Amino acid sequence: MSKLKLLYGELDEEVLASQSAELQKAGYTGQTAIGRKAVQDLLKKESFDLVVLGQTLSRDDRHHLPYMAKKAQSSAKVLVLHTDGSRHPYVNGNTDTGEDMQHVLNKISAMYGEAKPESKPQQSKTMAATTGR
């Protein structure tokens, strides 16, 4: 598996903690952000391969943050979790409402042409948290 640097944003801290733990178990590293402002701030400060916008962000945030991500980092891919299935011009992938974390991991792998990951411990496991509501 390649070393993708992720930015994962949610609004709910508990959901962020559990979902980012699953991403770490699958071997992904990166930063976490709580809320739209924290996501925007990190996009300005660091570069990421993939921006994951989680289910607890507002629908408005999940709509506008892809534009902001692409404006800040045109090469970053954007994955939006728990959408209604509609297509957004700046989103590279999305999951429908109700999909589990394994589906999210499979979607990330498909976006980068990797073998499908299993949710098990790997080597590097660092996801730093940033808040900004």
N, C-alpha and C. Protein backbone atom coordinates (compact mmCIF):
# COMPACT_ATOMS: atom_id res chain seq x y z
N MET A 1 0.84 -1.17 0.00
CA MET A 1 0.00 0.00 0.00
C MET A 1 0.89 1.23 0.00
N SER A 2 0.55 2.22 -0.81
CA SER A 2 1.32 3.45 -0.84
C SER A 2 1.06 4.25 0.43
N LYS A 3 1.95 5.17 0.70
CA LYS A 3 1.82 6.02 1.87
C LYS A 3 1.03 7.27 1.51
N LEU A 4 -0.27 7.18 1.55
CA LEU A 4 -1.12 8.32 1.28
C LEU A 4 -1.21 9.18 2.54
N LYS A 5 -1.13 10.47 2.37
CA LYS A 5 -1.32 11.39 3.49
C LYS A 5 -2.75 11.90 3.43
N LEU A 6 -3.52 11.59 4.47
CA LEU A 6 -4.94 11.93 4.51
C LEU A 6 -5.23 13.12 5.41
N LEU A 7 -6.25 13.84 5.04
CA LEU A 7 -6.89 14.80 5.93
C LEU A 7 -8.31 14.30 6.10
N TYR A 8 -8.69 13.98 7.34
CA TYR A 8 -10.02 13.44 7.61
C TYR A 8 -10.76 14.40 8.52
N GLY A 9 -11.89 14.93 8.05
CA GLY A 9 -12.67 15.89 8.81
C GLY A 9 -14.04 15.38 9.19
N GLU A 10 -14.42 15.63 10.41
CA GLU A 10 -15.75 15.33 10.95
C GLU A 10 -16.15 16.49 11.84
N LEU A 11 -17.41 16.52 12.25
CA LEU A 11 -17.87 17.50 13.21
C LEU A 11 -18.00 16.87 14.60
N ASP A 12 -18.25 15.58 14.65
CA ASP A 12 -18.42 14.85 15.91
C ASP A 12 -17.09 14.21 16.31
N GLU A 13 -16.59 14.56 17.50
CA GLU A 13 -15.29 14.07 17.95
C GLU A 13 -15.25 12.55 18.14
N GLU A 14 -16.33 11.96 18.64
CA GLU A 14 -16.37 10.51 18.86
C GLU A 14 -16.31 9.75 17.55
N VAL A 15 -17.07 10.21 16.57
CA VAL A 15 -17.05 9.58 15.25
C VAL A 15 -15.67 9.72 14.64
N LEU A 16 -15.08 10.90 14.76
CA LEU A 16 -13.74 11.14 14.23
C LEU A 16 -12.73 10.19 14.85
N ALA A 17 -12.79 10.02 16.16
CA ALA A 17 -11.84 9.14 16.85
C ALA A 17 -11.98 7.69 16.38
N SER A 18 -13.20 7.19 16.30
CA SER A 18 -13.39 5.78 15.92
C SER A 18 -13.05 5.54 14.45
N GLN A 19 -13.47 6.45 13.58
CA GLN A 19 -13.21 6.26 12.14
C GLN A 19 -11.72 6.44 11.82
N SER A 20 -11.06 7.42 12.47
CA SER A 20 -9.63 7.61 12.19
C SER A 20 -8.84 6.42 12.72
N ALA A 21 -9.31 5.79 13.80
CA ALA A 21 -8.65 4.58 14.29
C ALA A 21 -8.71 3.46 13.24
N GLU A 22 -9.84 3.35 12.57
CA GLU A 22 -9.98 2.35 11.51
C GLU A 22 -9.04 2.66 10.34
N LEU A 23 -8.91 3.94 9.99
CA LEU A 23 -7.98 4.32 8.92
C LEU A 23 -6.54 4.00 9.31
N GLN A 24 -6.20 4.23 10.57
CA GLN A 24 -4.86 3.91 11.06
C GLN A 24 -4.60 2.41 11.01
N LYS A 25 -5.58 1.62 11.43
CA LYS A 25 -5.44 0.16 11.39
C LYS A 25 -5.18 -0.32 9.96
N ALA A 26 -5.75 0.38 8.99
CA ALA A 26 -5.56 0.01 7.59
C ALA A 26 -4.23 0.53 7.04
N GLY A 27 -3.47 1.29 7.85
CA GLY A 27 -2.16 1.75 7.44
C GLY A 27 -2.08 3.16 6.91
N TYR A 28 -3.16 3.92 6.97
CA TYR A 28 -3.15 5.29 6.48
C TYR A 28 -2.68 6.25 7.58
N THR A 29 -2.02 7.32 7.17
CA THR A 29 -1.55 8.33 8.12
C THR A 29 -2.06 9.70 7.70
N GLY A 30 -2.00 10.64 8.63
CA GLY A 30 -2.40 11.99 8.26
C GLY A 30 -2.89 12.78 9.44
N GLN A 31 -3.76 13.73 9.15
CA GLN A 31 -4.29 14.65 10.14
C GLN A 31 -5.80 14.49 10.22
N THR A 32 -6.34 14.78 11.40
CA THR A 32 -7.78 14.84 11.56
C THR A 32 -8.16 16.27 11.92
N ALA A 33 -9.37 16.64 11.58
CA ALA A 33 -9.85 17.99 11.85
C ALA A 33 -11.30 17.93 12.29
N ILE A 34 -11.61 18.73 13.30
CA ILE A 34 -12.98 18.80 13.80
C ILE A 34 -13.60 20.11 13.32
N GLY A 35 -14.51 20.00 12.38
CA GLY A 35 -15.21 21.16 11.87
C GLY A 35 -14.62 21.75 10.61
N ARG A 36 -15.45 22.52 9.94
CA ARG A 36 -15.10 23.12 8.65
C ARG A 36 -13.87 24.02 8.72
N LYS A 37 -13.80 24.86 9.75
CA LYS A 37 -12.69 25.80 9.87
C LYS A 37 -11.36 25.07 10.03
N ALA A 38 -11.34 24.01 10.83
CA ALA A 38 -10.10 23.24 11.02
C ALA A 38 -9.67 22.57 9.72
N VAL A 39 -10.63 22.06 8.94
CA VAL A 39 -10.31 21.47 7.65
C VAL A 39 -9.68 22.53 6.75
N GLN A 40 -10.32 23.70 6.66
CA GLN A 40 -9.81 24.78 5.83
C GLN A 40 -8.40 25.21 6.26
N ASP A 41 -8.19 25.34 7.56
CA ASP A 41 -6.88 25.76 8.07
C ASP A 41 -5.79 24.76 7.70
N LEU A 42 -6.08 23.48 7.85
CA LEU A 42 -5.08 22.46 7.50
C LEU A 42 -4.80 22.43 6.00
N LEU A 43 -5.82 22.67 5.19
CA LEU A 43 -5.62 22.69 3.74
C LEU A 43 -4.67 23.82 3.34
N LYS A 44 -4.67 24.91 4.09
CA LYS A 44 -3.78 26.03 3.81
C LYS A 44 -2.36 25.78 4.29
N LYS A 45 -2.20 24.95 5.34
CA LYS A 45 -0.90 24.75 5.97
C LYS A 45 -0.12 23.55 5.44
N GLU A 46 -0.82 22.49 5.08
CA GLU A 46 -0.16 21.24 4.69
C GLU A 46 -0.73 20.73 3.38
N SER A 47 0.01 19.81 2.75
CA SER A 47 -0.53 19.20 1.54
C SER A 47 -0.92 17.76 1.84
N PHE A 48 -1.98 17.33 1.16
CA PHE A 48 -2.55 16.00 1.38
C PHE A 48 -2.81 15.33 0.04
N ASP A 49 -2.74 14.01 0.06
CA ASP A 49 -3.09 13.23 -1.12
C ASP A 49 -4.60 13.05 -1.22
N LEU A 50 -5.24 12.92 -0.06
CA LEU A 50 -6.67 12.63 -0.01
C LEU A 50 -7.32 13.41 1.12
N VAL A 51 -8.44 14.05 0.81
CA VAL A 51 -9.25 14.75 1.81
C VAL A 51 -10.54 13.95 1.96
N VAL A 52 -10.79 13.46 3.17
CA VAL A 52 -12.00 12.68 3.46
C VAL A 52 -12.92 13.56 4.29
N LEU A 53 -14.11 13.80 3.77
CA LEU A 53 -15.10 14.63 4.46
C LEU A 53 -16.17 13.71 5.03
N GLY A 54 -16.25 13.67 6.35
CA GLY A 54 -17.07 12.69 7.03
C GLY A 54 -18.54 13.01 7.15
N GLN A 55 -19.24 12.01 7.63
CA GLN A 55 -20.70 12.02 7.68
C GLN A 55 -21.28 13.03 8.65
N THR A 56 -20.53 13.44 9.68
CA THR A 56 -21.11 14.37 10.66
C THR A 56 -20.89 15.83 10.28
N LEU A 57 -20.11 16.09 9.24
CA LEU A 57 -20.04 17.46 8.72
C LEU A 57 -21.40 17.78 8.11
N SER A 58 -21.77 19.04 8.15
CA SER A 58 -23.08 19.40 7.59
C SER A 58 -23.09 19.15 6.08
N ARG A 59 -24.28 19.03 5.55
CA ARG A 59 -24.41 18.84 4.10
C ARG A 59 -23.77 20.01 3.35
N ASP A 60 -23.94 21.22 3.91
CA ASP A 60 -23.34 22.42 3.33
C ASP A 60 -21.81 22.30 3.33
N ASP A 61 -21.24 21.85 4.44
CA ASP A 61 -19.79 21.68 4.51
C ASP A 61 -19.30 20.63 3.51
N ARG A 62 -20.03 19.52 3.41
CA ARG A 62 -19.63 18.46 2.47
C ARG A 62 -19.77 18.92 1.02
N HIS A 63 -20.57 19.96 0.80
CA HIS A 63 -20.71 20.52 -0.55
C HIS A 63 -19.62 21.54 -0.84
N HIS A 64 -19.32 22.42 0.10
CA HIS A 64 -18.38 23.52 -0.14
C HIS A 64 -16.92 23.16 0.08
N LEU A 65 -16.64 22.25 1.02
CA LEU A 65 -15.23 21.91 1.28
C LEU A 65 -14.51 21.27 0.09
N PRO A 66 -15.17 20.50 -0.77
CA PRO A 66 -14.44 20.00 -1.95
C PRO A 66 -13.89 21.12 -2.83
N TYR A 67 -14.66 22.19 -3.02
CA TYR A 67 -14.17 23.33 -3.78
C TYR A 67 -12.93 23.92 -3.11
N MET A 68 -13.01 24.08 -1.80
CA MET A 68 -11.90 24.66 -1.05
C MET A 68 -10.67 23.76 -1.09
N ALA A 69 -10.90 22.46 -1.02
CA ALA A 69 -9.78 21.52 -1.07
C ALA A 69 -9.07 21.60 -2.42
N LYS A 70 -9.83 21.60 -3.49
CA LYS A 70 -9.24 21.66 -4.83
C LYS A 70 -8.58 23.01 -5.11
N LYS A 71 -9.14 24.07 -4.55
CA LYS A 71 -8.54 25.39 -4.72
C LYS A 71 -7.20 25.46 -4.00
N ALA A 72 -7.13 24.89 -2.80
CA ALA A 72 -5.90 24.90 -2.01
C ALA A 72 -4.87 23.92 -2.56
N GLN A 73 -5.34 22.76 -3.05
CA GLN A 73 -4.44 21.69 -3.50
C GLN A 73 -5.09 20.95 -4.67
N SER A 74 -4.81 21.39 -5.85
CA SER A 74 -5.49 20.83 -7.02
C SER A 74 -5.21 19.35 -7.24
N SER A 75 -4.09 18.85 -6.73
CA SER A 75 -3.76 17.44 -6.95
C SER A 75 -4.41 16.51 -5.92
N ALA A 76 -4.94 17.05 -4.84
CA ALA A 76 -5.57 16.22 -3.81
C ALA A 76 -6.88 15.64 -4.33
N LYS A 77 -7.15 14.41 -3.94
CA LYS A 77 -8.44 13.80 -4.25
C LYS A 77 -9.37 14.01 -3.07
N VAL A 78 -10.68 14.04 -3.35
CA VAL A 78 -11.67 14.29 -2.31
C VAL A 78 -12.66 13.12 -2.28
N LEU A 79 -12.85 12.57 -1.08
CA LEU A 79 -13.83 11.51 -0.85
C LEU A 79 -14.84 12.04 0.16
N VAL A 80 -16.12 12.01 -0.22
CA VAL A 80 -17.18 12.49 0.66
C VAL A 80 -17.98 11.29 1.14
N LEU A 81 -18.09 11.18 2.47
CA LEU A 81 -18.82 10.07 3.07
C LEU A 81 -20.29 10.42 3.27
N HIS A 82 -21.14 9.44 3.08
CA HIS A 82 -22.57 9.56 3.35
C HIS A 82 -23.24 10.66 2.54
N THR A 83 -23.20 10.47 1.24
CA THR A 83 -23.87 11.40 0.34
C THR A 83 -25.17 10.77 -0.14
N ASP A 84 -25.91 11.53 -0.90
CA ASP A 84 -27.16 11.00 -1.46
C ASP A 84 -26.93 10.39 -2.84
N GLY A 85 -25.67 10.24 -3.22
CA GLY A 85 -25.35 9.63 -4.49
C GLY A 85 -25.20 10.61 -5.64
N SER A 86 -25.46 11.90 -5.37
CA SER A 86 -25.33 12.88 -6.45
C SER A 86 -23.86 13.16 -6.76
N ARG A 87 -23.60 13.59 -7.96
CA ARG A 87 -22.23 13.82 -8.43
C ARG A 87 -21.85 15.29 -8.24
N HIS A 88 -20.67 15.51 -7.72
CA HIS A 88 -20.14 16.85 -7.47
C HIS A 88 -18.88 16.98 -8.33
N PRO A 89 -18.71 18.10 -9.03
CA PRO A 89 -17.57 18.20 -9.97
C PRO A 89 -16.19 18.13 -9.32
N TYR A 90 -16.07 18.43 -8.03
CA TYR A 90 -14.77 18.42 -7.37
C TYR A 90 -14.57 17.22 -6.45
N VAL A 91 -15.48 16.26 -6.51
CA VAL A 91 -15.39 15.06 -5.68
C VAL A 91 -14.93 13.90 -6.54
N ASN A 92 -13.89 13.20 -6.06
CA ASN A 92 -13.35 12.06 -6.79
C ASN A 92 -14.04 10.75 -6.42
N GLY A 93 -14.66 10.72 -5.25
CA GLY A 93 -15.35 9.52 -4.81
C GLY A 93 -16.32 9.85 -3.70
N ASN A 94 -17.35 9.04 -3.56
CA ASN A 94 -18.30 9.24 -2.48
C ASN A 94 -18.86 7.89 -2.05
N THR A 95 -19.38 7.87 -0.83
CA THR A 95 -20.07 6.68 -0.34
C THR A 95 -21.50 7.08 -0.01
N ASP A 96 -22.40 6.16 -0.18
CA ASP A 96 -23.79 6.41 0.12
C ASP A 96 -24.04 6.32 1.62
N THR A 97 -25.10 6.96 2.06
CA THR A 97 -25.48 6.90 3.47
C THR A 97 -25.66 5.45 3.89
N GLY A 98 -25.10 5.12 5.05
CA GLY A 98 -25.25 3.77 5.58
C GLY A 98 -24.12 2.82 5.27
N GLU A 99 -23.16 3.22 4.47
CA GLU A 99 -22.03 2.33 4.15
C GLU A 99 -21.10 2.23 5.36
N ASP A 100 -20.51 1.05 5.57
CA ASP A 100 -19.62 0.85 6.70
C ASP A 100 -18.19 1.27 6.38
N MET A 101 -17.32 1.20 7.37
CA MET A 101 -15.94 1.66 7.21
C MET A 101 -15.17 0.80 6.22
N GLN A 102 -15.45 -0.48 6.15
CA GLN A 102 -14.75 -1.33 5.18
C GLN A 102 -15.04 -0.87 3.76
N HIS A 103 -16.26 -0.43 3.52
CA HIS A 103 -16.62 0.11 2.20
C HIS A 103 -15.80 1.38 1.91
N VAL A 104 -15.60 2.22 2.93
CA VAL A 104 -14.80 3.43 2.78
C VAL A 104 -13.36 3.06 2.43
N LEU A 105 -12.80 2.08 3.14
CA LEU A 105 -11.44 1.63 2.86
C LEU A 105 -11.33 1.08 1.44
N ASN A 106 -12.32 0.33 1.02
CA ASN A 106 -12.33 -0.20 -0.34
C ASN A 106 -12.41 0.93 -1.37
N LYS A 107 -13.18 1.96 -1.07
CA LYS A 107 -13.33 3.10 -1.98
C LYS A 107 -11.99 3.84 -2.12
N ILE A 108 -11.29 4.03 -1.00
CA ILE A 108 -9.97 4.68 -1.05
C ILE A 108 -9.02 3.86 -1.91
N SER A 109 -9.01 2.56 -1.71
CA SER A 109 -8.15 1.68 -2.50
C SER A 109 -8.47 1.77 -3.98
N ALA A 110 -9.76 1.78 -4.29
CA ALA A 110 -10.17 1.86 -5.69
C ALA A 110 -9.76 3.20 -6.31
N MET A 111 -9.83 4.26 -5.54
CA MET A 111 -9.46 5.58 -6.05
C MET A 111 -7.99 5.65 -6.42
N TYR A 112 -7.16 4.86 -5.74
CA TYR A 112 -5.72 4.90 -5.97
C TYR A 112 -5.19 3.63 -6.63
N GLY A 113 -6.07 2.75 -7.04
CA GLY A 113 -5.66 1.54 -7.73
C GLY A 113 -4.84 0.59 -6.88
N GLU A 114 -5.12 0.57 -5.58
CA GLU A 114 -4.41 -0.31 -4.65
C GLU A 114 -5.21 -1.58 -4.42
N ALA A 115 -4.52 -2.57 -3.85
CA ALA A 115 -5.22 -3.78 -3.41
C ALA A 115 -6.14 -3.37 -2.26
N LYS A 116 -7.28 -4.03 -2.12
CA LYS A 116 -8.22 -3.68 -1.07
C LYS A 116 -7.60 -3.95 0.30
N PRO A 117 -7.65 -2.96 1.20
CA PRO A 117 -7.06 -3.14 2.52
C PRO A 117 -7.99 -3.91 3.44
N GLU A 118 -7.39 -4.54 4.43
CA GLU A 118 -8.17 -5.15 5.49
C GLU A 118 -8.00 -4.26 6.70
N SER A 119 -8.99 -4.23 7.54
CA SER A 119 -8.91 -3.40 8.73
C SER A 119 -8.11 -4.13 9.79
N LYS A 120 -6.79 -4.09 9.66
CA LYS A 120 -5.90 -4.74 10.62
C LYS A 120 -4.67 -3.88 10.84
N PRO A 121 -3.96 -4.09 11.93
CA PRO A 121 -2.80 -3.24 12.24
C PRO A 121 -1.72 -3.31 11.17
N GLN A 122 -1.15 -2.17 10.85
CA GLN A 122 -0.04 -2.04 9.93
C GLN A 122 1.07 -1.31 10.66
N GLN A 123 2.10 -0.85 9.95
CA GLN A 123 3.20 -0.20 10.61
C GLN A 123 2.91 1.23 11.05
N SER A 124 3.01 2.20 10.22
CA SER A 124 2.90 3.60 10.61
C SER A 124 1.46 3.97 10.95
N LYS A 125 1.24 4.51 12.15
CA LYS A 125 -0.10 4.82 12.59
C LYS A 125 -0.15 6.17 13.29
N THR A 126 -0.13 7.22 12.54
CA THR A 126 -0.22 8.54 13.16
C THR A 126 -1.29 9.38 12.51
N MET A 127 -2.26 9.79 13.27
CA MET A 127 -3.27 10.72 12.81
C MET A 127 -3.37 11.79 13.89
N ALA A 128 -2.88 12.97 13.63
CA ALA A 128 -2.90 14.06 14.59
C ALA A 128 -4.22 14.81 14.49
N ALA A 129 -4.74 15.24 15.61
CA ALA A 129 -6.04 15.92 15.62
C ALA A 129 -5.88 17.43 15.68
N THR A 130 -6.78 18.10 14.99
CA THR A 130 -6.87 19.56 15.02
C THR A 130 -8.33 19.93 15.21
N THR A 131 -8.58 20.87 16.10
CA THR A 131 -9.95 21.34 16.28
C THR A 131 -10.06 22.77 15.79
N GLY A 132 -11.24 23.12 15.37
CA GLY A 132 -11.50 24.47 14.91
C GLY A 132 -12.94 24.62 14.53
N ARG A 133 -13.72 24.97 15.46
CA ARG A 133 -15.16 25.02 15.19
C ARG A 133 -15.60 26.36 14.75
